[in-house]
Amino acid sequence: MPRSATDATRFTATGPYAYSKTNASTIQLSQPPPSNETPAQKVIRLRAAAQRAKLGQETTWDRVVERGKVWADRAHRVTALSLVGLTGMYLSCHYLVIEIAVRVTLELIAVPYM
């Protein structure tokens, strides 16, 4: 049975979000672009203008959250790498203990070890 477009978008949110900012501002460029500007230079110039426009709307809480994200990311990276490293150390030590136990057991029952 074919579906209509309204069925496909029935549960898609189309209204304003709670976190959306109502006072959308346009980026004010201070000067016209140079005539021989490359696409890469244009991207850099427009990103810098967008960053300057965003700084005016950023609150103290926004800056705290951004710095918290950086530190949480670092803590997560250290934790994950520590767990991986410690697991590797545990498994390698565990393997050595088993290897030694097998050798001792085989020596006790006088079976030649490969």
N, C-alpha and C. Protein backbone atom coordinates (compact mmCIF):
# COMPACT_ATOMS: atom_id res chain seq x y z
N MET A 1 0.84 -1.17 0.00
CA MET A 1 0.00 0.00 0.00
C MET A 1 0.89 1.24 0.00
N PRO A 2 0.75 2.13 -0.96
CA PRO A 2 1.60 3.32 -1.02
C PRO A 2 1.25 4.29 0.11
N ARG A 3 2.27 4.97 0.56
CA ARG A 3 2.09 5.95 1.63
C ARG A 3 2.18 7.35 1.07
N SER A 4 1.52 8.25 1.72
CA SER A 4 1.58 9.64 1.29
C SER A 4 2.71 10.37 2.01
N ALA A 5 3.02 11.55 1.55
CA ALA A 5 4.07 12.34 2.17
C ALA A 5 3.69 12.77 3.58
N THR A 6 2.43 12.96 3.85
CA THR A 6 2.01 13.34 5.20
C THR A 6 2.22 12.20 6.18
N ASP A 7 2.06 10.96 5.72
CA ASP A 7 2.33 9.82 6.60
C ASP A 7 3.82 9.73 6.94
N ALA A 8 4.65 10.02 5.96
CA ALA A 8 6.09 9.91 6.18
C ALA A 8 6.60 10.97 7.14
N THR A 9 5.97 12.13 7.18
CA THR A 9 6.45 13.21 8.04
C THR A 9 5.54 13.48 9.22
N ARG A 10 4.71 12.54 9.55
CA ARG A 10 3.75 12.76 10.63
C ARG A 10 4.44 13.02 11.97
N PHE A 11 5.52 12.30 12.26
CA PHE A 11 6.17 12.43 13.55
C PHE A 11 7.43 13.28 13.48
N THR A 12 7.61 14.00 12.41
CA THR A 12 8.75 14.90 12.29
C THR A 12 8.38 16.24 12.91
N ALA A 13 9.21 16.70 13.82
CA ALA A 13 8.94 17.97 14.48
C ALA A 13 9.13 19.11 13.49
N THR A 14 8.12 19.93 13.37
CA THR A 14 8.23 21.07 12.46
C THR A 14 8.11 22.39 13.19
N GLY A 15 7.77 22.35 14.45
CA GLY A 15 7.61 23.58 15.21
C GLY A 15 8.93 24.06 15.76
N PRO A 16 8.92 25.19 16.45
CA PRO A 16 10.18 25.70 17.02
C PRO A 16 10.63 24.82 18.18
N TYR A 17 11.91 24.67 18.30
CA TYR A 17 12.47 23.86 19.37
C TYR A 17 12.66 24.71 20.62
N ALA A 18 12.71 24.07 21.76
CA ALA A 18 12.89 24.79 23.01
C ALA A 18 14.27 25.43 23.09
N TYR A 19 15.24 24.83 22.46
CA TYR A 19 16.59 25.35 22.56
C TYR A 19 16.96 26.29 21.41
N SER A 20 16.04 26.52 20.49
CA SER A 20 16.37 27.41 19.37
C SER A 20 16.31 28.86 19.84
N LYS A 21 17.18 29.66 19.31
CA LYS A 21 17.24 31.07 19.68
C LYS A 21 16.27 31.84 18.79
N THR A 22 15.48 32.68 19.41
CA THR A 22 14.47 33.41 18.65
C THR A 22 15.03 34.64 17.98
N ASN A 23 16.10 35.19 18.50
CA ASN A 23 16.66 36.40 17.92
C ASN A 23 17.82 36.05 16.97
N ALA A 24 17.49 35.47 15.86
CA ALA A 24 18.51 35.10 14.88
C ALA A 24 19.09 36.36 14.27
N SER A 25 20.39 36.40 14.23
CA SER A 25 21.05 37.59 13.69
C SER A 25 21.76 37.22 12.39
N THR A 26 21.93 38.20 11.56
CA THR A 26 22.67 37.98 10.33
C THR A 26 24.11 38.38 10.56
N ILE A 27 24.97 37.80 9.80
CA ILE A 27 26.39 38.09 9.94
C ILE A 27 26.69 39.38 9.19
N GLN A 28 27.25 40.33 9.91
CA GLN A 28 27.63 41.60 9.29
C GLN A 28 29.08 41.51 8.85
N LEU A 29 29.31 41.60 7.57
CA LEU A 29 30.66 41.57 7.05
C LEU A 29 31.20 42.99 7.02
N SER A 30 32.41 43.15 7.50
CA SER A 30 32.97 44.50 7.64
C SER A 30 33.40 45.11 6.31
N GLN A 31 33.78 44.29 5.37
CA GLN A 31 34.25 44.81 4.10
C GLN A 31 33.87 43.86 2.98
N PRO A 32 33.82 44.33 1.76
CA PRO A 32 33.49 43.44 0.65
C PRO A 32 34.64 42.46 0.41
N PRO A 33 34.33 41.30 -0.14
CA PRO A 33 35.39 40.31 -0.35
C PRO A 33 36.35 40.77 -1.44
N PRO A 34 37.61 40.37 -1.34
CA PRO A 34 38.56 40.70 -2.40
C PRO A 34 38.18 40.01 -3.71
N SER A 35 38.57 40.59 -4.79
CA SER A 35 38.17 40.03 -6.09
C SER A 35 38.92 38.75 -6.42
N ASN A 36 40.12 38.57 -5.92
CA ASN A 36 40.90 37.37 -6.25
C ASN A 36 40.91 36.37 -5.08
N GLU A 37 39.83 36.27 -4.36
CA GLU A 37 39.74 35.40 -3.19
C GLU A 37 39.49 33.95 -3.63
N THR A 38 40.26 33.03 -3.06
CA THR A 38 40.08 31.61 -3.36
C THR A 38 38.94 31.06 -2.50
N PRO A 39 38.38 29.91 -2.88
CA PRO A 39 37.32 29.32 -2.05
C PRO A 39 37.77 29.04 -0.62
N ALA A 40 39.00 28.60 -0.45
CA ALA A 40 39.50 28.31 0.91
C ALA A 40 39.58 29.59 1.74
N GLN A 41 40.02 30.67 1.13
CA GLN A 41 40.08 31.94 1.84
C GLN A 41 38.69 32.45 2.19
N LYS A 42 37.74 32.21 1.30
CA LYS A 42 36.37 32.63 1.55
C LYS A 42 35.79 31.88 2.74
N VAL A 43 36.06 30.58 2.81
CA VAL A 43 35.58 29.77 3.93
C VAL A 43 36.17 30.29 5.23
N ILE A 44 37.46 30.57 5.23
CA ILE A 44 38.11 31.08 6.45
C ILE A 44 37.51 32.42 6.86
N ARG A 45 37.30 33.30 5.90
CA ARG A 45 36.75 34.63 6.19
C ARG A 45 35.33 34.54 6.74
N LEU A 46 34.50 33.68 6.11
CA LEU A 46 33.11 33.55 6.56
C LEU A 46 33.01 32.86 7.92
N ARG A 47 33.89 31.89 8.17
CA ARG A 47 33.88 31.23 9.49
C ARG A 47 34.29 32.20 10.59
N ALA A 48 35.27 33.03 10.29
CA ALA A 48 35.70 34.03 11.28
C ALA A 48 34.58 35.03 11.55
N ALA A 49 33.86 35.44 10.51
CA ALA A 49 32.74 36.37 10.71
C ALA A 49 31.63 35.72 11.52
N ALA A 50 31.35 34.44 11.25
CA ALA A 50 30.32 33.72 12.00
C ALA A 50 30.73 33.57 13.46
N GLN A 51 32.01 33.32 13.70
CA GLN A 51 32.50 33.19 15.08
C GLN A 51 32.37 34.51 15.83
N ARG A 52 32.69 35.63 15.16
CA ARG A 52 32.54 36.93 15.80
C ARG A 52 31.07 37.22 16.11
N ALA A 53 30.17 36.83 15.21
CA ALA A 53 28.74 37.06 15.45
C ALA A 53 28.24 36.18 16.59
N LYS A 54 28.76 34.97 16.70
CA LYS A 54 28.32 34.06 17.74
C LYS A 54 28.82 34.49 19.11
N LEU A 55 29.99 35.09 19.18
CA LEU A 55 30.55 35.50 20.47
C LEU A 55 29.67 36.53 21.16
N GLY A 56 28.98 37.35 20.41
CA GLY A 56 28.10 38.33 21.01
C GLY A 56 26.88 37.72 21.67
N GLN A 57 26.48 36.53 21.25
CA GLN A 57 25.29 35.88 21.80
C GLN A 57 25.63 34.85 22.87
N GLU A 58 26.91 34.57 23.09
CA GLU A 58 27.32 33.53 24.01
C GLU A 58 27.25 34.04 25.46
N THR A 59 26.59 33.27 26.32
CA THR A 59 26.50 33.64 27.73
C THR A 59 27.63 32.98 28.52
N THR A 60 27.75 33.35 29.77
CA THR A 60 28.77 32.75 30.63
C THR A 60 28.53 31.26 30.78
N TRP A 61 27.28 30.87 30.90
CA TRP A 61 26.95 29.45 31.04
C TRP A 61 27.35 28.67 29.80
N ASP A 62 27.18 29.27 28.61
CA ASP A 62 27.59 28.61 27.37
C ASP A 62 29.10 28.34 27.37
N ARG A 63 29.87 29.32 27.85
CA ARG A 63 31.32 29.13 27.91
C ARG A 63 31.69 28.06 28.92
N VAL A 64 30.99 28.01 30.07
CA VAL A 64 31.26 26.99 31.08
C VAL A 64 30.97 25.60 30.52
N VAL A 65 29.86 25.48 29.81
CA VAL A 65 29.49 24.19 29.23
C VAL A 65 30.52 23.76 28.18
N GLU A 66 30.96 24.68 27.35
CA GLU A 66 31.96 24.35 26.32
C GLU A 66 33.27 23.88 26.95
N ARG A 67 33.72 24.57 28.00
CA ARG A 67 34.95 24.15 28.67
C ARG A 67 34.75 22.81 29.37
N GLY A 68 33.56 22.60 29.92
CA GLY A 68 33.26 21.32 30.56
C GLY A 68 33.29 20.17 29.57
N LYS A 69 32.82 20.43 28.36
CA LYS A 69 32.86 19.39 27.32
C LYS A 69 34.29 19.00 27.00
N VAL A 70 35.17 20.00 26.95
CA VAL A 70 36.57 19.71 26.64
C VAL A 70 37.18 18.83 27.73
N TRP A 71 36.94 19.18 28.99
CA TRP A 71 37.51 18.40 30.09
C TRP A 71 36.86 17.02 30.21
N ALA A 72 35.56 16.94 29.94
CA ALA A 72 34.90 15.63 29.96
C ALA A 72 35.44 14.74 28.86
N ASP A 73 35.72 15.33 27.69
CA ASP A 73 36.29 14.55 26.59
C ASP A 73 37.68 14.04 26.97
N ARG A 74 38.48 14.88 27.58
CA ARG A 74 39.82 14.45 28.00
C ARG A 74 39.74 13.34 29.05
N ALA A 75 38.85 13.51 30.02
CA ALA A 75 38.71 12.49 31.08
C ALA A 75 38.22 11.17 30.48
N HIS A 76 37.32 11.24 29.52
CA HIS A 76 36.82 10.03 28.88
C HIS A 76 37.93 9.34 28.11
N ARG A 77 38.75 10.12 27.41
CA ARG A 77 39.85 9.54 26.64
C ARG A 77 40.85 8.85 27.56
N VAL A 78 41.21 9.51 28.68
CA VAL A 78 42.15 8.92 29.63
C VAL A 78 41.57 7.64 30.22
N THR A 79 40.30 7.67 30.59
CA THR A 79 39.67 6.50 31.18
C THR A 79 39.63 5.34 30.20
N ALA A 80 39.22 5.62 28.96
CA ALA A 80 39.11 4.55 27.97
C ALA A 80 40.48 3.95 27.67
N LEU A 81 41.48 4.79 27.47
CA LEU A 81 42.82 4.27 27.18
C LEU A 81 43.40 3.52 28.37
N SER A 82 43.11 3.98 29.58
CA SER A 82 43.58 3.27 30.77
C SER A 82 42.94 1.89 30.87
N LEU A 83 41.64 1.83 30.61
CA LEU A 83 40.97 0.53 30.66
C LEU A 83 41.51 -0.43 29.61
N VAL A 84 41.76 0.08 28.42
CA VAL A 84 42.31 -0.77 27.36
C VAL A 84 43.71 -1.24 27.75
N GLY A 85 44.53 -0.32 28.24
CA GLY A 85 45.89 -0.68 28.64
C GLY A 85 45.92 -1.65 29.79
N LEU A 86 45.11 -1.40 30.82
CA LEU A 86 45.08 -2.30 31.97
C LEU A 86 44.54 -3.67 31.60
N THR A 87 43.57 -3.72 30.70
CA THR A 87 43.05 -5.01 30.25
C THR A 87 44.13 -5.78 29.50
N GLY A 88 44.87 -5.08 28.66
CA GLY A 88 45.97 -5.73 27.95
C GLY A 88 47.03 -6.25 28.89
N MET A 89 47.37 -5.45 29.91
CA MET A 89 48.35 -5.89 30.89
C MET A 89 47.84 -7.10 31.67
N TYR A 90 46.58 -7.07 32.05
CA TYR A 90 46.00 -8.18 32.79
C TYR A 90 46.03 -9.45 31.96
N LEU A 91 45.60 -9.33 30.71
CA LEU A 91 45.55 -10.53 29.86
C LEU A 91 46.94 -11.08 29.59
N SER A 92 47.92 -10.21 29.37
CA SER A 92 49.27 -10.70 29.11
C SER A 92 49.85 -11.36 30.36
N CYS A 93 49.61 -10.76 31.55
CA CYS A 93 50.09 -11.38 32.79
C CYS A 93 49.35 -12.68 33.06
N HIS A 94 48.06 -12.68 32.80
CA HIS A 94 47.27 -13.88 33.01
C HIS A 94 47.76 -15.00 32.10
N TYR A 95 48.09 -14.67 30.87
CA TYR A 95 48.61 -15.66 29.92
C TYR A 95 49.94 -16.21 30.41
N LEU A 96 50.81 -15.34 30.94
CA LEU A 96 52.11 -15.79 31.43
C LEU A 96 51.95 -16.71 32.64
N VAL A 97 51.02 -16.41 33.52
CA VAL A 97 50.78 -17.25 34.70
C VAL A 97 50.31 -18.63 34.26
N ILE A 98 49.41 -18.67 33.29
CA ILE A 98 48.92 -19.96 32.79
C ILE A 98 50.06 -20.72 32.12
N GLU A 99 50.89 -20.04 31.35
CA GLU A 99 52.02 -20.67 30.68
C GLU A 99 52.97 -21.29 31.69
N ILE A 100 53.27 -20.55 32.77
CA ILE A 100 54.16 -21.06 33.81
C ILE A 100 53.53 -22.25 34.53
N ALA A 101 52.23 -22.15 34.81
CA ALA A 101 51.54 -23.25 35.49
C ALA A 101 51.55 -24.50 34.64
N VAL A 102 51.38 -24.37 33.35
CA VAL A 102 51.39 -25.53 32.46
C VAL A 102 52.79 -26.15 32.44
N ARG A 103 53.82 -25.31 32.34
CA ARG A 103 55.19 -25.84 32.31
C ARG A 103 55.53 -26.58 33.61
N VAL A 104 55.16 -25.99 34.75
CA VAL A 104 55.45 -26.63 36.03
C VAL A 104 54.70 -27.95 36.14
N THR A 105 53.45 -27.95 35.74
CA THR A 105 52.65 -29.18 35.82
C THR A 105 53.24 -30.26 34.93
N LEU A 106 53.64 -29.90 33.72
CA LEU A 106 54.22 -30.90 32.82
C LEU A 106 55.57 -31.40 33.32
N GLU A 107 56.34 -30.52 33.98
CA GLU A 107 57.61 -30.98 34.54
C GLU A 107 57.39 -31.92 35.71
N LEU A 108 56.32 -31.65 36.48
CA LEU A 108 56.05 -32.51 37.63
C LEU A 108 55.64 -33.91 37.21
N ILE A 109 54.93 -34.02 36.09
CA ILE A 109 54.51 -35.35 35.65
C ILE A 109 55.45 -35.90 34.59
N ALA A 110 56.58 -35.21 34.36
CA ALA A 110 57.67 -35.66 33.49
C ALA A 110 57.22 -35.87 32.05
N VAL A 111 56.45 -34.92 31.52
CA VAL A 111 56.05 -34.97 30.12
C VAL A 111 56.89 -33.91 29.40
N PRO A 112 57.54 -34.26 28.31
CA PRO A 112 58.33 -33.24 27.61
C PRO A 112 57.41 -32.14 27.05
N TYR A 113 57.85 -30.92 27.26
CA TYR A 113 57.07 -29.76 26.77
C TYR A 113 57.53 -29.41 25.38
N MET A 114 56.62 -29.02 24.58
CA MET A 114 56.96 -28.71 23.19
C MET A 114 57.84 -27.55 23.10
